[in-house]
Amino acid sequence: MTAGGPFTKILDVPYSPSSNTTEYTASVTITAPDAQATTYYFIMDAIDTSGNRSAESDPPLSTTIDAQSPNTPTLLKIVIISAEGSK
């Protein structure tokens, strides 16, 4: 997938005329392929209560998902502290 599409619809955010706001928050989980850094592109549009659709957002929003595991920890130091009176 590139910034030019094709795009797949993943979420509808319903309009609430009683909210008196132009800000909406929604979330969806996207699973990235194993062990691949993947860039996802997102576009948005709006549909009013009469079914009129706006133009798509431009430019597309993007995010890169890092699916790589971190390196194995090294140089660890363990300190054992005993409480007074413990055996």
C-alpha atoms as a PDB file:
ATOM      1  CA  MET A   1       0.000   0.000   0.000  1.00  0.00           C
ATOM      2  CA  THR A   2       1.278   3.463  -0.803  1.00  0.00           C
ATOM      3  CA  ALA A   3       0.229   7.002   0.002  1.00  0.00           C
ATOM      4  CA  GLY A   4      -1.863   6.875  -3.183  1.00  0.00           C
ATOM      5  CA  GLY A   5      -3.957   3.861  -2.129  1.00  0.00           C
ATOM      6  CA  PRO A   6      -5.830   1.660  -2.503  1.00  0.00           C
ATOM      7  CA  PHE A   7      -7.338   2.180   0.934  1.00  0.00           C
ATOM      8  CA  THR A   8      -9.480  -0.150   3.035  1.00  0.00           C
ATOM      9  CA  LYS A   9     -12.226   1.212   5.262  1.00  0.00           C
ATOM     10  CA  ILE A  10     -11.552   0.189   8.866  1.00  0.00           C
ATOM     11  CA  LEU A  11     -13.788   2.409  10.988  1.00  0.00           C
ATOM     12  CA  ASP A  12     -16.909   4.584  10.963  1.00  0.00           C
ATOM     13  CA  VAL A  13     -17.166   7.341  13.559  1.00  0.00           C
ATOM     14  CA  PRO A  14     -20.822   8.324  13.972  1.00  0.00           C
ATOM     15  CA  TYR A  15     -21.809  11.975  13.889  1.00  0.00           C
ATOM     16  CA  SER A  16     -23.620  13.327  16.930  1.00  0.00           C
ATOM     17  CA  PRO A  17     -25.304  16.674  16.169  1.00  0.00           C
ATOM     18  CA  SER A  18     -26.026  17.266  19.854  1.00  0.00           C
ATOM     19  CA  SER A  19     -22.320  17.239  20.816  1.00  0.00           C
ATOM     20  CA  ASN A  20     -21.565  20.745  19.423  1.00  0.00           C
ATOM     21  CA  THR A  21     -18.007  19.721  18.588  1.00  0.00           C
ATOM     22  CA  THR A  22     -15.868  19.165  15.521  1.00  0.00           C
ATOM     23  CA  GLU A  23     -13.486  16.827  17.378  1.00  0.00           C
ATOM     24  CA  TYR A  24     -14.027  13.077  17.437  1.00  0.00           C
ATOM     25  CA  THR A  25     -11.980  10.302  18.991  1.00  0.00           C
ATOM     26  CA  ALA A  26     -12.057   6.673  17.947  1.00  0.00           C
ATOM     27  CA  SER A  27      -9.640   3.780  18.103  1.00  0.00           C
ATOM     28  CA  VAL A  28      -9.087   0.528  16.304  1.00  0.00           C
ATOM     29  CA  THR A  29      -6.409  -2.151  16.660  1.00  0.00           C
ATOM     30  CA  ILE A  30      -4.320  -2.871  13.583  1.00  0.00           C
ATOM     31  CA  THR A  31      -2.182  -6.014  13.584  1.00  0.00           C
ATOM     32  CA  ALA A  32       1.126  -5.673  11.737  1.00  0.00           C
ATOM     33  CA  PRO A  33       2.704  -8.635   9.933  1.00  0.00           C
ATOM     34  CA  ASP A  34       5.225 -10.463  12.151  1.00  0.00           C
ATOM     35  CA  ALA A  35       8.739  -9.010  12.256  1.00  0.00           C
ATOM     36  CA  GLN A  36       8.086  -6.362   9.612  1.00  0.00           C
ATOM     37  CA  ALA A  37       8.229  -2.605   9.978  1.00  0.00           C
ATOM     38  CA  THR A  38       5.118  -1.532   8.122  1.00  0.00           C
ATOM     39  CA  THR A  39       3.897   1.937   7.171  1.00  0.00           C
ATOM     40  CA  TYR A  40       0.139   2.462   7.219  1.00  0.00           C
ATOM     41  CA  TYR A  41      -1.561   5.386   5.503  1.00  0.00           C
ATOM     42  CA  PHE A  42      -4.871   6.801   6.668  1.00  0.00           C
ATOM     43  CA  ILE A  43      -7.325   9.102   4.968  1.00  0.00           C
ATOM     44  CA  MET A  44     -10.471  10.627   6.359  1.00  0.00           C
ATOM     45  CA  ASP A  45     -13.650  11.983   4.888  1.00  0.00           C
ATOM     46  CA  ALA A  46     -16.976  13.083   6.314  1.00  0.00           C
ATOM     47  CA  ILE A  47     -20.550  12.248   5.426  1.00  0.00           C
ATOM     48  CA  ASP A  48     -23.319  14.552   6.603  1.00  0.00           C
ATOM     49  CA  THR A  49     -26.817  13.491   7.648  1.00  0.00           C
ATOM     50  CA  SER A  50     -28.006  13.969   4.032  1.00  0.00           C
ATOM     51  CA  GLY A  51     -25.374  11.520   2.734  1.00  0.00           C
ATOM     52  CA  ASN A  52     -23.109  14.169   1.164  1.00  0.00           C
ATOM     53  CA  ARG A  53     -19.455  13.066   1.285  1.00  0.00           C
ATOM     54  CA  SER A  54     -16.520  15.458   1.719  1.00  0.00           C
ATOM     55  CA  ALA A  55     -13.261  15.242  -0.177  1.00  0.00           C
ATOM     56  CA  GLU A  56     -10.640  12.903   1.302  1.00  0.00           C
ATOM     57  CA  SER A  57      -8.003  14.333   3.620  1.00  0.00           C
ATOM     58  CA  ASP A  58      -4.845  15.381   1.844  1.00  0.00           C
ATOM     59  CA  PRO A  59      -2.087  14.407   2.334  1.00  0.00           C
ATOM     60  CA  PRO A  60      -2.782  10.978   3.813  1.00  0.00           C
ATOM     61  CA  LEU A  61      -1.751  10.574   7.438  1.00  0.00           C
ATOM     62  CA  SER A  62       0.881   7.882   8.002  1.00  0.00           C
ATOM     63  CA  THR A  63       2.416   5.893  10.817  1.00  0.00           C
ATOM     64  CA  THR A  64       5.100   3.229  10.830  1.00  0.00           C
ATOM     65  CA  ILE A  65       4.609   0.246  13.099  1.00  0.00           C
ATOM     66  CA  ASP A  66       7.834  -1.232  14.449  1.00  0.00           C
ATOM     67  CA  ALA A  67       7.343  -4.977  14.886  1.00  0.00           C
ATOM     68  CA  GLN A  68      10.977  -5.775  15.752  1.00  0.00           C
ATOM     69  CA  SER A  69      11.745  -7.151  19.213  1.00  0.00           C
ATOM     70  CA  PRO A  70      14.269  -5.207  21.284  1.00  0.00           C
ATOM     71  CA  ASN A  71      17.787  -6.579  21.799  1.00  0.00           C
ATOM     72  CA  THR A  72      18.406  -9.077  24.586  1.00  0.00           C
ATOM     73  CA  PRO A  73      19.319  -7.260  27.815  1.00  0.00           C
ATOM     74  CA  THR A  74      22.997  -7.532  28.788  1.00  0.00           C
ATOM     75  CA  LEU A  75      25.208  -6.481  31.688  1.00  0.00           C
ATOM     76  CA  LEU A  76      22.508  -7.122  34.275  1.00  0.00           C
ATOM     77  CA  LYS A  77      23.389  -6.828  37.952  1.00  0.00           C
ATOM     78  CA  ILE A  78      21.300  -8.491  40.639  1.00  0.00           C
ATOM     79  CA  VAL A  79      21.588  -7.194  44.184  1.00  0.00           C
ATOM     80  CA  ILE A  80      19.975  -9.220  46.985  1.00  0.00           C
ATOM     81  CA  ILE A  81      19.158  -7.257  50.080  1.00  0.00           C
ATOM     82  CA  SER A  82      18.050  -9.250  53.105  1.00  0.00           C
ATOM     83  CA  ALA A  83      15.742  -7.778  55.689  1.00  0.00           C
ATOM     84  CA  GLU A  84      17.094  -7.530  59.232  1.00  0.00           C
ATOM     85  CA  GLY A  85      16.299 -10.652  61.217  1.00  0.00           C
ATOM     86  CA  SER A  86      15.847 -12.819  58.111  1.00  0.00           C
ATOM     87  CA  LYS A  87      17.698 -16.110  57.892  1.00  0.00           C
END
